[in-house]
Amino acid sequence: METAVGECAGVIIDLVSTLLFDSEEKLGWSAMALENGNYADSIYHSYNVFVNSAKAMLLGENVKNSSQMSVIQDFDRIFVEPGTFKFAEGSFKEHVLQINKHEPDQDFANTFYQRAKGFLNQIKEVRESQTEKAV
């Protein structure tokens, strides 16, 4: 966090932390939808956990994106290809876009939720180690 001086002085928020907090909120929405049997909604919120968390990591690297697809592609290029993150499907794109290959049923919604939860936890661990090194 930084402080500014002048007419518009105020605290400048840490956008990466804000995006990760937003991802945690979306994960909670996914869990609630799953519990209520709203599988399509749960899958949608889990998808947003993936994209939002990836965007946070990219912003930490000063990579700004204007679309979900560019977030997905840049995350593969910057984090998956070098081996920082690994997915059974090979790429982040293939992992996240499984939503296009499955019906919104309970099994897939639960699996996708668990993967989103694990991804967010991994993102937070990597981010924490990055910020510790910067201090």
C-alpha atoms as a PDB file:
ATOM      1  CA  MET A   1       0.000   0.000   0.000  1.00  0.00           C
ATOM      2  CA  GLU A   2       1.082   3.521  -0.686  1.00  0.00           C
ATOM      3  CA  THR A   3      -0.128   6.935   0.324  1.00  0.00           C
ATOM      4  CA  ALA A   4      -0.561   9.839  -2.018  1.00  0.00           C
ATOM      5  CA  VAL A   5      -0.115  13.562  -1.444  1.00  0.00           C
ATOM      6  CA  GLY A   6      -2.148  16.420  -2.839  1.00  0.00           C
ATOM      7  CA  GLU A   7      -5.714  17.282  -3.664  1.00  0.00           C
ATOM      8  CA  CYS A   8      -6.746  13.659  -4.233  1.00  0.00           C
ATOM      9  CA  ALA A   9      -4.616  12.288  -1.392  1.00  0.00           C
ATOM     10  CA  GLY A  10      -5.651   8.940  -0.055  1.00  0.00           C
ATOM     11  CA  VAL A  11      -4.589   5.364   0.336  1.00  0.00           C
ATOM     12  CA  ILE A  12      -3.945   3.467  -2.868  1.00  0.00           C
ATOM     13  CA  ILE A  13      -5.234  -0.065  -2.474  1.00  0.00           C
ATOM     14  CA  ASP A  14      -3.253  -3.173  -3.231  1.00  0.00           C
ATOM     15  CA  LEU A  15      -5.170  -4.373  -6.287  1.00  0.00           C
ATOM     16  CA  VAL A  16      -3.653  -7.861  -6.182  1.00  0.00           C
ATOM     17  CA  SER A  17      -4.875  -8.410  -2.618  1.00  0.00           C
ATOM     18  CA  THR A  18      -8.267  -6.987  -3.524  1.00  0.00           C
ATOM     19  CA  LEU A  19      -8.619  -9.392  -6.448  1.00  0.00           C
ATOM     20  CA  LEU A  20      -7.645 -12.329  -4.248  1.00  0.00           C
ATOM     21  CA  PHE A  21     -10.203 -11.270  -1.646  1.00  0.00           C
ATOM     22  CA  ASP A  22     -12.763 -11.080  -4.459  1.00  0.00           C
ATOM     23  CA  SER A  23     -11.791 -14.611  -5.519  1.00  0.00           C
ATOM     24  CA  GLU A  24     -12.391 -15.866  -1.989  1.00  0.00           C
ATOM     25  CA  GLU A  25     -15.833 -14.277  -2.068  1.00  0.00           C
ATOM     26  CA  LYS A  26     -16.601 -15.932  -5.426  1.00  0.00           C
ATOM     27  CA  LEU A  27     -15.450 -19.265  -4.012  1.00  0.00           C
ATOM     28  CA  GLY A  28     -17.943 -18.822  -1.189  1.00  0.00           C
ATOM     29  CA  TRP A  29     -20.693 -18.115  -3.714  1.00  0.00           C
ATOM     30  CA  SER A  30     -19.720 -21.266  -5.581  1.00  0.00           C
ATOM     31  CA  ALA A  31     -19.942 -23.328  -2.389  1.00  0.00           C
ATOM     32  CA  MET A  32     -23.379 -21.899  -1.552  1.00  0.00           C
ATOM     33  CA  ALA A  33     -24.673 -22.568  -5.053  1.00  0.00           C
ATOM     34  CA  LEU A  34     -23.328 -26.123  -4.872  1.00  0.00           C
ATOM     35  CA  GLU A  35     -25.039 -26.719  -1.529  1.00  0.00           C
ATOM     36  CA  ASN A  36     -28.317 -25.395  -2.941  1.00  0.00           C
ATOM     37  CA  GLY A  37     -28.141 -27.605  -6.035  1.00  0.00           C
ATOM     38  CA  ASN A  38     -27.521 -24.679  -8.394  1.00  0.00           C
ATOM     39  CA  TYR A  39     -24.762 -26.466 -10.275  1.00  0.00           C
ATOM     40  CA  ALA A  40     -24.503 -24.126 -13.255  1.00  0.00           C
ATOM     41  CA  ASP A  41     -24.152 -21.154 -10.893  1.00  0.00           C
ATOM     42  CA  SER A  42     -21.515 -22.972  -8.866  1.00  0.00           C
ATOM     43  CA  ILE A  43     -19.521 -23.754 -12.012  1.00  0.00           C
ATOM     44  CA  TYR A  44     -19.800 -20.130 -13.156  1.00  0.00           C
ATOM     45  CA  HIS A  45     -18.470 -18.810  -9.833  1.00  0.00           C
ATOM     46  CA  SER A  46     -15.665 -21.398  -9.789  1.00  0.00           C
ATOM     47  CA  TYR A  47     -14.675 -20.336 -13.308  1.00  0.00           C
ATOM     48  CA  ASN A  48     -14.488 -16.753 -12.083  1.00  0.00           C
ATOM     49  CA  VAL A  49     -12.255 -17.839  -9.187  1.00  0.00           C
ATOM     50  CA  PHE A  50      -9.784 -19.219 -11.734  1.00  0.00           C
ATOM     51  CA  VAL A  51      -9.817 -16.158 -13.981  1.00  0.00           C
ATOM     52  CA  ASN A  52      -9.836 -13.588 -11.181  1.00  0.00           C
ATOM     53  CA  SER A  53      -7.005 -15.303  -9.288  1.00  0.00           C
ATOM     54  CA  ALA A  54      -4.932 -15.625 -12.467  1.00  0.00           C
ATOM     55  CA  LYS A  55      -5.519 -11.945 -13.159  1.00  0.00           C
ATOM     56  CA  ALA A  56      -4.247 -11.103  -9.670  1.00  0.00           C
ATOM     57  CA  MET A  57      -1.014 -13.011 -10.309  1.00  0.00           C
ATOM     58  CA  LEU A  58      -0.585 -11.316 -13.671  1.00  0.00           C
ATOM     59  CA  LEU A  59      -1.078  -7.880 -12.139  1.00  0.00           C
ATOM     60  CA  GLY A  60       1.639  -8.802  -9.655  1.00  0.00           C
ATOM     61  CA  GLU A  61       3.886  -9.159 -12.701  1.00  0.00           C
ATOM     62  CA  ASN A  62       2.621  -5.833 -14.165  1.00  0.00           C
ATOM     63  CA  VAL A  63       0.691  -7.628 -16.909  1.00  0.00           C
ATOM     64  CA  LYS A  64      -2.653  -5.950 -17.514  1.00  0.00           C
ATOM     65  CA  ASN A  65      -5.442  -7.682 -19.400  1.00  0.00           C
ATOM     66  CA  SER A  66      -8.717  -6.520 -20.857  1.00  0.00           C
ATOM     67  CA  SER A  67     -10.423  -9.869 -21.462  1.00  0.00           C
ATOM     68  CA  GLN A  68     -10.828 -13.214 -19.753  1.00  0.00           C
ATOM     69  CA  MET A  69      -9.233 -14.989 -22.692  1.00  0.00           C
ATOM     70  CA  SER A  70      -6.137 -12.796 -22.552  1.00  0.00           C
ATOM     71  CA  VAL A  71      -5.844 -13.535 -18.808  1.00  0.00           C
ATOM     72  CA  ILE A  72      -5.994 -17.261 -19.551  1.00  0.00           C
ATOM     73  CA  GLN A  73      -3.443 -17.061 -22.377  1.00  0.00           C
ATOM     74  CA  ASP A  74      -1.039 -14.824 -20.457  1.00  0.00           C
ATOM     75  CA  PHE A  75      -1.244 -17.019 -17.358  1.00  0.00           C
ATOM     76  CA  ASP A  76      -0.203 -19.997 -19.493  1.00  0.00           C
ATOM     77  CA  ARG A  77       2.660 -18.040 -21.041  1.00  0.00           C
ATOM     78  CA  ILE A  78       3.996 -16.487 -17.831  1.00  0.00           C
ATOM     79  CA  PHE A  79       3.272 -19.130 -15.186  1.00  0.00           C
ATOM     80  CA  VAL A  80       2.473 -22.510 -16.756  1.00  0.00           C
ATOM     81  CA  GLU A  81       5.079 -22.725 -19.537  1.00  0.00           C
ATOM     82  CA  PRO A  82       7.964 -21.947 -17.117  1.00  0.00           C
ATOM     83  CA  GLY A  83       6.569 -24.512 -14.647  1.00  0.00           C
ATOM     84  CA  THR A  84       5.421 -22.277 -11.774  1.00  0.00           C
ATOM     85  CA  PHE A  85       1.949 -23.834 -12.041  1.00  0.00           C
ATOM     86  CA  LYS A  86       1.130 -27.283 -13.440  1.00  0.00           C
ATOM     87  CA  PHE A  87      -2.161 -28.790 -14.536  1.00  0.00           C
ATOM     88  CA  ALA A  88      -3.029 -32.389 -15.393  1.00  0.00           C
ATOM     89  CA  GLU A  89      -4.583 -31.166 -18.647  1.00  0.00           C
ATOM     90  CA  GLY A  90      -1.321 -29.452 -19.609  1.00  0.00           C
ATOM     91  CA  SER A  91      -2.416 -25.844 -19.824  1.00  0.00           C
ATOM     92  CA  PHE A  92      -4.403 -23.444 -17.718  1.00  0.00           C
ATOM     93  CA  LYS A  93      -6.615 -22.836 -20.735  1.00  0.00           C
ATOM     94  CA  GLU A  94      -7.516 -26.532 -21.061  1.00  0.00           C
ATOM     95  CA  HIS A  95      -8.034 -26.772 -17.312  1.00  0.00           C
ATOM     96  CA  VAL A  96     -10.337 -23.770 -17.003  1.00  0.00           C
ATOM     97  CA  LEU A  97     -12.269 -24.261 -20.215  1.00  0.00           C
ATOM     98  CA  GLN A  98     -13.450 -27.706 -19.156  1.00  0.00           C
ATOM     99  CA  ILE A  99     -16.715 -25.892 -18.517  1.00  0.00           C
ATOM    100  CA  ASN A 100     -17.325 -26.133 -22.267  1.00  0.00           C
ATOM    101  CA  LYS A 101     -16.994 -29.934 -22.235  1.00  0.00           C
ATOM    102  CA  HIS A 102     -19.220 -30.883 -19.300  1.00  0.00           C
ATOM    103  CA  GLU A 103     -22.859 -30.674 -18.435  1.00  0.00           C
ATOM    104  CA  PRO A 104     -23.557 -28.614 -15.304  1.00  0.00           C
ATOM    105  CA  ASP A 105     -24.218 -31.607 -13.072  1.00  0.00           C
ATOM    106  CA  GLN A 106     -23.388 -32.195  -9.421  1.00  0.00           C
ATOM    107  CA  ASP A 107     -20.245 -34.245 -10.064  1.00  0.00           C
ATOM    108  CA  PHE A 108     -18.629 -31.699 -12.372  1.00  0.00           C
ATOM    109  CA  ALA A 109     -19.725 -28.743 -10.217  1.00  0.00           C
ATOM    110  CA  ASN A 110     -18.139 -30.370  -7.156  1.00  0.00           C
ATOM    111  CA  THR A 111     -14.942 -31.294  -8.999  1.00  0.00           C
ATOM    112  CA  PHE A 112     -14.614 -27.833 -10.551  1.00  0.00           C
ATOM    113  CA  TYR A 113     -15.248 -26.180  -7.171  1.00  0.00           C
ATOM    114  CA  GLN A 114     -12.542 -28.300  -5.513  1.00  0.00           C
ATOM    115  CA  ARG A 115     -10.088 -27.444  -8.278  1.00  0.00           C
ATOM    116  CA  ALA A 116     -10.892 -23.726  -8.015  1.00  0.00           C
ATOM    117  CA  LYS A 117     -10.387 -23.901  -4.245  1.00  0.00           C
ATOM    118  CA  GLY A 118      -7.031 -25.650  -4.676  1.00  0.00           C
ATOM    119  CA  PHE A 119      -5.950 -23.170  -7.344  1.00  0.00           C
ATOM    120  CA  LEU A 120      -6.804 -20.187  -5.160  1.00  0.00           C
ATOM    121  CA  ASN A 121      -4.845 -21.710  -2.266  1.00  0.00           C
ATOM    122  CA  GLN A 122      -1.865 -22.302  -4.537  1.00  0.00           C
ATOM    123  CA  ILE A 123      -2.077 -18.721  -5.846  1.00  0.00           C
ATOM    124  CA  LYS A 124      -2.102 -17.370  -2.292  1.00  0.00           C
ATOM    125  CA  GLU A 125       0.945 -19.483  -1.357  1.00  0.00           C
ATOM    126  CA  VAL A 126       2.919 -18.310  -4.383  1.00  0.00           C
ATOM    127  CA  ARG A 127       1.881 -14.709  -3.799  1.00  0.00           C
ATOM    128  CA  GLU A 128       2.856 -14.914  -0.129  1.00  0.00           C
ATOM    129  CA  SER A 129       6.314 -16.227  -1.003  1.00  0.00           C
ATOM    130  CA  GLN A 130       6.716 -13.432  -3.597  1.00  0.00           C
ATOM    131  CA  THR A 131       5.826 -10.732  -1.090  1.00  0.00           C
ATOM    132  CA  GLU A 132       8.140 -12.243   1.549  1.00  0.00           C
ATOM    133  CA  LYS A 133      11.042 -12.103  -0.899  1.00  0.00           C
ATOM    134  CA  ALA A 134      10.245  -8.485  -1.757  1.00  0.00           C
ATOM    135  CA  VAL A 135      10.472  -7.393   1.892  1.00  0.00           C
END
